[in-house]
Amino acid sequence: MRGAGVGHLSGLVNIQMIYYILMRTLNQPYSEIKNIPLNDALFFINYENAIQDYIQQEMKKKGKR
């Protein structure tokens, strides 16, 4: 399938992460909003970098085998 790379899905994933974070914070007092897991927030912010890091780690694993 032509053009079905990871880049085409990034917009959808970002929308899903925004929705996930909003649903977790909806109807919660501010004191609980700041308790969003840090990994969730960092994943959303650094999504593209996380993909590149994952690919590099997998390449290193395959190289060591």
N, C-alpha and C. Protein backbone atom coordinates (compact mmCIF):
# COMPACT_ATOMS: atom_id res chain seq x y z
N MET A 1 0.85 -1.17 0.00
CA MET A 1 0.00 0.00 0.00
C MET A 1 0.89 1.23 0.00
N ARG A 2 0.75 2.04 -1.00
CA ARG A 2 1.61 3.20 -1.15
C ARG A 2 1.20 4.33 -0.23
N GLY A 3 2.17 4.98 0.41
CA GLY A 3 1.88 6.15 1.23
C GLY A 3 1.27 5.84 2.59
N ALA A 4 1.45 4.63 3.07
CA ALA A 4 0.86 4.28 4.37
C ALA A 4 1.91 4.28 5.47
N GLY A 5 2.81 5.24 5.43
CA GLY A 5 3.87 5.31 6.44
C GLY A 5 3.36 5.82 7.77
N VAL A 6 4.24 5.78 8.75
CA VAL A 6 3.89 6.23 10.10
C VAL A 6 3.48 7.70 10.11
N GLY A 7 4.09 8.51 9.27
CA GLY A 7 3.79 9.94 9.24
C GLY A 7 2.34 10.25 8.96
N HIS A 8 1.69 9.38 8.19
CA HIS A 8 0.28 9.61 7.85
C HIS A 8 -0.63 9.38 9.05
N LEU A 9 -0.17 8.61 10.00
CA LEU A 9 -0.99 8.30 11.17
C LEU A 9 -0.74 9.26 12.33
N SER A 10 0.31 10.05 12.25
CA SER A 10 0.69 10.88 13.40
C SER A 10 -0.40 11.88 13.78
N GLY A 11 -1.09 12.45 12.81
CA GLY A 11 -2.17 13.39 13.12
C GLY A 11 -3.29 12.72 13.89
N LEU A 12 -3.66 11.53 13.48
CA LEU A 12 -4.71 10.78 14.17
C LEU A 12 -4.28 10.43 15.58
N VAL A 13 -3.04 10.00 15.74
CA VAL A 13 -2.56 9.63 17.07
C VAL A 13 -2.53 10.85 17.97
N ASN A 14 -2.10 12.00 17.44
CA ASN A 14 -2.08 13.23 18.23
C ASN A 14 -3.48 13.61 18.69
N ILE A 15 -4.46 13.47 17.81
CA ILE A 15 -5.84 13.78 18.17
C ILE A 15 -6.32 12.83 19.27
N GLN A 16 -5.96 11.56 19.16
CA GLN A 16 -6.36 10.59 20.17
C GLN A 16 -5.72 10.91 21.52
N MET A 17 -4.46 11.35 21.52
CA MET A 17 -3.79 11.69 22.77
C MET A 17 -4.42 12.93 23.40
N ILE A 18 -4.76 13.93 22.57
CA ILE A 18 -5.42 15.13 23.10
C ILE A 18 -6.75 14.72 23.74
N TYR A 19 -7.51 13.89 23.04
CA TYR A 19 -8.79 13.43 23.57
C TYR A 19 -8.60 12.68 24.88
N TYR A 20 -7.60 11.82 24.93
CA TYR A 20 -7.31 11.03 26.14
C TYR A 20 -6.99 11.94 27.31
N ILE A 21 -6.13 12.93 27.08
CA ILE A 21 -5.74 13.85 28.16
C ILE A 21 -6.94 14.69 28.60
N LEU A 22 -7.73 15.17 27.64
CA LEU A 22 -8.90 15.98 28.00
C LEU A 22 -9.92 15.17 28.80
N MET A 23 -10.13 13.93 28.41
CA MET A 23 -11.10 13.10 29.13
C MET A 23 -10.60 12.79 30.55
N ARG A 24 -9.30 12.69 30.72
CA ARG A 24 -8.76 12.44 32.07
C ARG A 24 -8.87 13.67 32.95
N THR A 25 -8.87 14.85 32.34
CA THR A 25 -8.89 16.08 33.13
C THR A 25 -10.29 16.66 33.28
N LEU A 26 -11.24 16.17 32.50
CA LEU A 26 -12.59 16.70 32.54
C LEU A 26 -13.22 16.48 33.91
N ASN A 27 -13.85 17.52 34.43
CA ASN A 27 -14.55 17.48 35.72
C ASN A 27 -13.65 17.13 36.90
N GLN A 28 -12.38 17.45 36.80
CA GLN A 28 -11.47 17.24 37.92
C GLN A 28 -10.99 18.58 38.42
N PRO A 29 -10.81 18.72 39.74
CA PRO A 29 -10.26 19.97 40.26
C PRO A 29 -8.82 20.16 39.78
N TYR A 30 -8.37 21.40 39.78
CA TYR A 30 -7.03 21.71 39.28
C TYR A 30 -5.96 20.89 39.99
N SER A 31 -6.13 20.66 41.28
CA SER A 31 -5.12 19.92 42.04
C SER A 31 -4.93 18.50 41.49
N GLU A 32 -5.97 17.93 40.88
CA GLU A 32 -5.84 16.59 40.30
C GLU A 32 -5.38 16.64 38.85
N ILE A 33 -5.62 17.75 38.16
CA ILE A 33 -5.19 17.86 36.77
C ILE A 33 -3.68 17.74 36.66
N LYS A 34 -2.97 18.31 37.62
CA LYS A 34 -1.51 18.24 37.54
C LYS A 34 -0.97 16.85 37.85
N ASN A 35 -1.85 15.90 38.18
CA ASN A 35 -1.44 14.53 38.43
C ASN A 35 -1.53 13.63 37.19
N ILE A 36 -1.68 14.23 36.01
CA ILE A 36 -1.65 13.44 34.77
C ILE A 36 -0.28 12.75 34.72
N PRO A 37 -0.24 11.47 34.43
CA PRO A 37 1.06 10.80 34.37
C PRO A 37 2.03 11.52 33.44
N LEU A 38 3.22 11.74 33.93
CA LEU A 38 4.22 12.48 33.16
C LEU A 38 4.52 11.78 31.85
N ASN A 39 4.54 10.46 31.85
CA ASN A 39 4.85 9.73 30.62
C ASN A 39 3.81 10.01 29.53
N ASP A 40 2.54 10.15 29.91
CA ASP A 40 1.50 10.45 28.92
C ASP A 40 1.75 11.81 28.29
N ALA A 41 2.04 12.81 29.13
CA ALA A 41 2.27 14.15 28.62
C ALA A 41 3.53 14.21 27.76
N LEU A 42 4.60 13.58 28.21
CA LEU A 42 5.85 13.60 27.44
C LEU A 42 5.70 12.85 26.13
N PHE A 43 4.94 11.75 26.13
CA PHE A 43 4.72 11.01 24.89
C PHE A 43 4.00 11.88 23.87
N PHE A 44 3.00 12.60 24.34
CA PHE A 44 2.24 13.47 23.43
C PHE A 44 3.12 14.57 22.86
N ILE A 45 3.92 15.20 23.73
CA ILE A 45 4.75 16.32 23.29
C ILE A 45 5.87 15.85 22.36
N ASN A 46 6.48 14.73 22.68
CA ASN A 46 7.65 14.26 21.94
C ASN A 46 7.33 13.04 21.09
N TYR A 47 6.14 12.99 20.52
CA TYR A 47 5.69 11.81 19.77
C TYR A 47 6.64 11.46 18.63
N GLU A 48 6.98 12.44 17.81
CA GLU A 48 7.84 12.17 16.66
C GLU A 48 9.22 11.72 17.12
N ASN A 49 9.77 12.36 18.14
CA ASN A 49 11.07 11.95 18.66
C ASN A 49 11.01 10.56 19.26
N ALA A 50 9.90 10.24 19.90
CA ALA A 50 9.75 8.91 20.50
C ALA A 50 9.77 7.83 19.43
N ILE A 51 9.15 8.09 18.30
CA ILE A 51 9.15 7.12 17.20
C ILE A 51 10.58 6.89 16.71
N GLN A 52 11.32 7.98 16.50
CA GLN A 52 12.70 7.86 16.03
C GLN A 52 13.56 7.11 17.04
N ASP A 53 13.41 7.40 18.32
CA ASP A 53 14.17 6.70 19.36
C ASP A 53 13.84 5.21 19.36
N TYR A 54 12.57 4.90 19.22
CA TYR A 54 12.16 3.49 19.20
C TYR A 54 12.78 2.76 18.01
N ILE A 55 12.74 3.39 16.85
CA ILE A 55 13.32 2.77 15.65
C ILE A 55 14.81 2.54 15.84
N GLN A 56 15.51 3.53 16.40
CA GLN A 56 16.95 3.38 16.63
C GLN A 56 17.23 2.26 17.62
N GLN A 57 16.44 2.15 18.68
CA GLN A 57 16.64 1.08 19.66
C GLN A 57 16.43 -0.29 19.03
N GLU A 58 15.40 -0.40 18.18
CA GLU A 58 15.14 -1.68 17.52
C GLU A 58 16.27 -2.04 16.57
N MET A 59 16.81 -1.05 15.87
CA MET A 59 17.93 -1.31 14.95
C MET A 59 19.15 -1.78 15.74
N LYS A 60 19.40 -1.18 16.89
CA LYS A 60 20.53 -1.59 17.73
C LYS A 60 20.34 -3.02 18.23
N LYS A 61 19.10 -3.35 18.63
CA LYS A 61 18.81 -4.71 19.10
C LYS A 61 19.07 -5.73 18.00
N LYS A 62 18.62 -5.42 16.79
CA LYS A 62 18.82 -6.34 15.67
C LYS A 62 20.29 -6.47 15.32
N GLY A 63 21.04 -5.39 15.50
CA GLY A 63 22.48 -5.41 15.21
C GLY A 63 23.26 -6.26 16.20
N LYS A 64 22.79 -6.34 17.43
CA LYS A 64 23.49 -7.11 18.47
C LYS A 64 23.22 -8.60 18.36
N ARG A 65 22.16 -8.98 17.70
CA ARG A 65 21.80 -10.41 17.60
C ARG A 65 22.71 -11.14 16.66
